Amino acid sequence: MIKFTKACSISRILLSDVSKTFVEGDNQLLVIENLSYTFMKGRTYALMGASGTGKSTLLHVIAGFEQPTTGIILYDDANQALV
């Protein structure tokens, strides 16, 4: 569950056409495909799905631990690459 609290200085996280593909040799595994969503401060969100469907990968991309293959992530209108 993701919950933004008042202590968090970010009020909005916007994902626009975010995709994440892992490449190993000749194999490509598309984990997130063209995801667009806005997370707002003060709201509670739950990521639900079967094991291996990309929930942790999505959190890693949002946190900046992984870079999206395509798309952009904005934190209060600032591009992730600039933060």
Protein backbone atom coordinates (compact mmCIF):
# COMPACT_ATOMS: atom_id res chain seq x y z
CA MET A 1 0.00 0.00 0.00
CA ILE A 2 1.28 3.49 -0.86
CA LYS A 3 0.16 6.34 1.38
CA PHE A 4 1.36 9.90 1.08
CA THR A 5 1.38 11.70 4.41
CA LYS A 6 1.53 15.37 5.27
CA ALA A 7 5.28 14.97 5.95
CA CYS A 8 5.83 14.13 2.29
CA SER A 9 6.74 17.19 0.24
CA ILE A 10 5.59 15.64 -3.06
CA SER A 11 1.90 16.22 -3.73
CA ARG A 12 1.57 14.35 -7.03
CA ILE A 13 3.35 11.59 -8.95
CA LEU A 14 2.34 11.31 -12.59
CA LEU A 15 3.22 8.30 -14.74
CA SER A 16 2.81 8.83 -18.47
CA ASP A 17 3.07 5.87 -20.86
CA VAL A 18 5.59 4.13 -18.58
CA SER A 19 6.91 0.77 -19.74
CA LYS A 20 9.61 -1.45 -18.28
CA THR A 21 11.29 -4.25 -20.19
CA PHE A 22 14.04 -6.47 -18.84
CA VAL A 23 16.50 -7.87 -21.38
CA GLU A 24 18.58 -11.00 -20.82
CA GLY A 25 20.50 -12.12 -23.89
CA ASP A 26 18.02 -12.45 -26.75
CA ASN A 27 15.03 -12.58 -24.38
CA GLN A 28 12.89 -9.58 -23.52
CA LEU A 29 10.37 -9.57 -20.67
CA LEU A 30 7.81 -6.75 -20.77
CA VAL A 31 6.78 -6.19 -17.15
CA ILE A 32 4.96 -2.83 -17.33
CA GLU A 33 3.28 -1.72 -20.55
CA ASN A 34 2.22 1.88 -21.30
CA LEU A 35 1.01 2.66 -17.77
CA SER A 36 -0.42 6.13 -17.21
CA TYR A 37 -1.66 7.07 -13.75
CA THR A 38 -1.58 9.91 -11.24
CA PHE A 39 -0.94 9.30 -7.54
CA MET A 40 -2.13 12.15 -5.30
CA LYS A 41 -0.98 13.09 -1.80
CA GLY A 42 -3.45 12.20 0.94
CA ARG A 43 -4.88 9.18 -0.90
CA THR A 44 -4.25 5.51 -0.18
CA TYR A 45 -3.41 3.12 -3.02
CA ALA A 46 -3.06 -0.66 -3.16
CA LEU A 47 -1.11 -2.57 -5.81
CA MET A 48 -2.73 -5.94 -6.22
CA GLY A 49 -1.97 -8.85 -8.50
CA ALA A 50 -0.52 -12.31 -8.72
CA SER A 51 3.12 -13.01 -8.03
CA GLY A 52 5.40 -11.90 -10.86
CA THR A 53 3.04 -9.33 -12.39
CA GLY A 54 5.28 -6.27 -11.84
CA LYS A 55 4.11 -4.76 -8.55
CA SER A 56 7.61 -4.48 -7.06
CA THR A 57 9.02 -3.36 -10.39
CA LEU A 58 6.47 -0.55 -10.52
CA LEU A 59 7.44 0.60 -7.03
CA HIS A 60 11.14 0.47 -7.97
CA VAL A 61 10.46 2.59 -11.07
CA ILE A 62 8.41 5.13 -9.09
CA ALA A 63 11.12 5.33 -6.40
CA GLY A 64 13.84 5.80 -9.02
CA PHE A 65 15.69 2.56 -8.25
CA GLU A 66 14.95 1.42 -11.82
CA GLN A 67 14.60 3.60 -14.91
CA PRO A 68 11.53 3.10 -17.09
CA THR A 69 12.28 1.74 -20.55
CA THR A 70 9.84 4.26 -22.04
CA GLY A 71 7.61 7.01 -20.70
CA ILE A 72 8.11 9.65 -18.07
CA ILE A 73 7.52 10.04 -14.35
CA LEU A 74 6.85 13.50 -12.96
CA TYR A 75 7.08 14.46 -9.31
CA ASP A 76 5.13 17.72 -8.89
CA ASP A 77 5.76 18.39 -12.61
CA ALA A 78 9.55 17.74 -12.36
CA ASN A 79 10.85 14.94 -14.61
CA GLN A 80 12.38 11.98 -12.77
CA ALA A 81 15.62 12.37 -14.70
CA LEU A 82 16.03 15.86 -13.24
CA VAL A 83 15.29 14.95 -9.60
